[in-house]
Amino acid sequence: MITAPADPDDPQHLSSPPNPDEMIPVQFGTSFNISGAIEASQLLYDQSWLTGLRMARQMQQQNTLVTEKTQTELVYEVSQSYYLTQITRQQVRNMESNLGKIEKAEKIAASQYENGIIKKSISTGSSCRSTT
């Protein structure tokens, strides 16, 4: 315990010296408590854990292979779609070119018919009839 004057602002305190035998209770510190614990354990041997670890590794390898296969198939499908698109575009250009040639041939045939160079024929089935 520490001895200290009771009240320093008390006028009686200045007139009379403190009593050295008088004890004043003083409390230090806080009222909080903290506690903690750490526990550690180590597995020495467990066959099921080792089997599970092996299975996990095999599953990881299998998943890696499946991922690689999927990526390869995706590249193949994309490239195949690209080339099919290019082929289709070329076929459309060919059809447009053929249509232009057919229209030109039709105009030539119509002109020749009008000038009497060719005669109009009507086809029904396998027989052909010619009219003038």
Protein backbone atom coordinates (compact mmCIF):
# COMPACT_ATOMS: atom_id res chain seq x y z
CA MET A 1 0.00 0.00 0.00
CA ILE A 2 1.02 3.55 -0.69
CA THR A 3 0.38 6.34 1.73
CA ALA A 4 -1.01 9.51 0.22
CA PRO A 5 -2.86 12.57 1.53
CA ALA A 6 -6.61 12.18 1.60
CA ASP A 7 -7.61 15.32 -0.33
CA PRO A 8 -5.02 17.86 -1.53
CA ASP A 9 -7.64 20.63 -1.95
CA ASP A 10 -8.84 20.33 1.62
CA PRO A 11 -7.67 23.42 3.62
CA GLN A 12 -7.21 21.23 6.65
CA HIS A 13 -4.71 19.29 4.68
CA LEU A 14 -2.41 22.31 4.46
CA SER A 15 -2.69 23.14 8.14
CA SER A 16 -2.01 19.70 9.46
CA PRO A 17 0.53 17.22 8.17
CA PRO A 18 -0.79 13.87 6.99
CA ASN A 19 -0.95 11.02 9.38
CA PRO A 20 1.75 8.57 8.36
CA ASP A 21 -0.10 5.74 10.03
CA GLU A 22 -3.23 6.28 7.98
CA MET A 23 -3.47 3.95 4.98
CA ILE A 24 -5.40 4.84 1.86
CA PRO A 25 -6.47 1.88 -0.28
CA VAL A 26 -5.42 2.24 -3.96
CA GLN A 27 -6.22 -0.22 -6.79
CA PHE A 28 -4.03 -0.65 -9.89
CA GLY A 29 -4.64 -2.63 -13.12
CA THR A 30 -7.80 -3.58 -15.01
CA SER A 31 -10.59 -5.97 -14.30
CA PHE A 32 -10.27 -7.85 -17.61
CA ASN A 33 -8.99 -11.39 -17.99
CA ILE A 34 -7.71 -13.06 -21.16
CA SER A 35 -7.05 -16.74 -21.46
CA GLY A 36 -6.09 -18.92 -24.40
CA ALA A 37 -5.06 -22.43 -25.25
CA ILE A 38 -3.33 -24.15 -28.13
CA GLU A 39 -3.63 -27.82 -28.88
CA ALA A 40 -1.76 -29.71 -31.57
CA SER A 41 -1.90 -33.30 -32.69
CA GLN A 42 -0.15 -35.28 -35.39
CA LEU A 43 -1.45 -38.28 -37.26
CA LEU A 44 1.14 -41.05 -37.23
CA TYR A 45 -0.48 -43.62 -39.54
CA ASP A 46 -3.95 -44.04 -41.00
CA GLN A 47 -4.47 -46.33 -44.00
CA SER A 48 -7.80 -44.77 -44.95
CA TRP A 49 -6.18 -41.32 -45.04
CA LEU A 50 -3.40 -42.61 -47.31
CA THR A 51 -5.93 -44.32 -49.58
CA GLY A 52 -7.95 -41.12 -49.75
CA LEU A 53 -4.82 -39.15 -50.63
CA ARG A 54 -3.99 -41.57 -53.46
CA MET A 55 -7.56 -41.36 -54.78
CA ALA A 56 -7.44 -37.55 -54.64
CA ARG A 57 -4.22 -37.54 -56.69
CA GLN A 58 -5.73 -39.90 -59.27
CA MET A 59 -8.88 -37.76 -59.50
CA GLN A 60 -6.73 -34.67 -60.00
CA GLN A 61 -4.82 -36.39 -62.82
CA GLN A 62 -8.07 -37.56 -64.40
CA ASN A 63 -9.54 -34.04 -64.21
CA THR A 64 -6.39 -32.65 -65.84
CA LEU A 65 -6.70 -35.15 -68.69
CA VAL A 66 -10.40 -34.39 -69.15
CA THR A 67 -9.64 -30.67 -69.25
CA GLU A 68 -6.94 -31.17 -71.90
CA LYS A 69 -9.27 -33.37 -73.96
CA THR A 70 -12.04 -30.80 -73.75
CA GLN A 71 -9.71 -28.01 -74.83
CA THR A 72 -8.47 -30.07 -77.79
CA GLU A 73 -12.04 -30.89 -78.84
CA LEU A 74 -13.01 -27.24 -78.53
CA VAL A 75 -10.15 -26.18 -80.82
CA TYR A 76 -11.15 -28.87 -83.32
CA GLU A 77 -14.83 -27.84 -83.29
CA VAL A 78 -14.03 -24.14 -83.67
CA SER A 79 -11.66 -24.77 -86.58
CA GLN A 80 -14.15 -27.13 -88.24
CA SER A 81 -16.91 -24.52 -87.89
CA TYR A 82 -14.63 -21.87 -89.37
CA TYR A 83 -13.79 -23.98 -92.43
CA LEU A 84 -17.43 -24.98 -92.93
CA THR A 85 -18.34 -21.29 -92.84
CA GLN A 86 -15.69 -20.55 -95.47
CA ILE A 87 -16.99 -23.39 -97.67
CA THR A 88 -20.58 -22.15 -97.31
CA ARG A 89 -19.56 -18.60 -98.23
CA GLN A 90 -17.81 -19.90 -101.35
CA GLN A 91 -20.89 -21.94 -102.27
CA VAL A 92 -23.08 -18.82 -101.92
CA ARG A 93 -20.69 -16.88 -104.19
CA ASN A 94 -20.79 -19.75 -106.73
CA MET A 95 -24.61 -19.86 -106.64
CA GLU A 96 -24.83 -16.09 -107.12
CA SER A 97 -22.41 -16.33 -110.04
CA ASN A 98 -24.42 -19.22 -111.56
CA LEU A 99 -27.66 -17.29 -111.12
CA GLY A 100 -26.15 -14.35 -112.98
CA LYS A 101 -25.03 -16.64 -115.80
CA ILE A 102 -28.48 -18.29 -115.99
CA GLU A 103 -30.19 -14.87 -116.16
CA LYS A 104 -27.79 -13.82 -118.91
CA ALA A 105 -28.47 -17.07 -120.84
CA GLU A 106 -32.22 -16.48 -120.41
CA LYS A 107 -31.93 -12.99 -121.91
CA ILE A 108 -29.92 -14.35 -124.83
CA ALA A 109 -32.48 -17.10 -125.43
CA ALA A 110 -35.36 -14.60 -125.24
CA SER A 111 -33.62 -12.36 -127.74
CA GLN A 112 -32.96 -15.27 -130.09
CA TYR A 113 -36.62 -16.34 -129.80
CA GLU A 114 -37.82 -12.85 -130.61
CA ASN A 115 -35.56 -12.77 -133.67
CA GLY A 116 -36.79 -16.18 -134.80
CA ILE A 117 -33.50 -17.94 -134.35
CA ILE A 118 -34.96 -20.53 -131.96
CA LYS A 119 -38.43 -21.96 -131.49
CA LYS A 120 -40.21 -22.17 -128.14
CA SER A 121 -40.64 -25.71 -126.83
CA ILE A 122 -42.95 -26.86 -124.03
CA SER A 123 -41.83 -29.89 -122.09
CA THR A 124 -44.29 -32.13 -120.24
CA GLY A 125 -42.83 -35.23 -118.67
CA SER A 126 -40.50 -37.09 -121.02
CA SER A 127 -41.96 -35.87 -124.30
CA CYS A 128 -41.23 -32.52 -125.96
CA ARG A 129 -43.62 -30.57 -128.13
CA SER A 130 -42.60 -27.75 -130.34
CA THR A 131 -44.96 -24.85 -131.11
CA THR A 132 -44.57 -21.97 -133.51
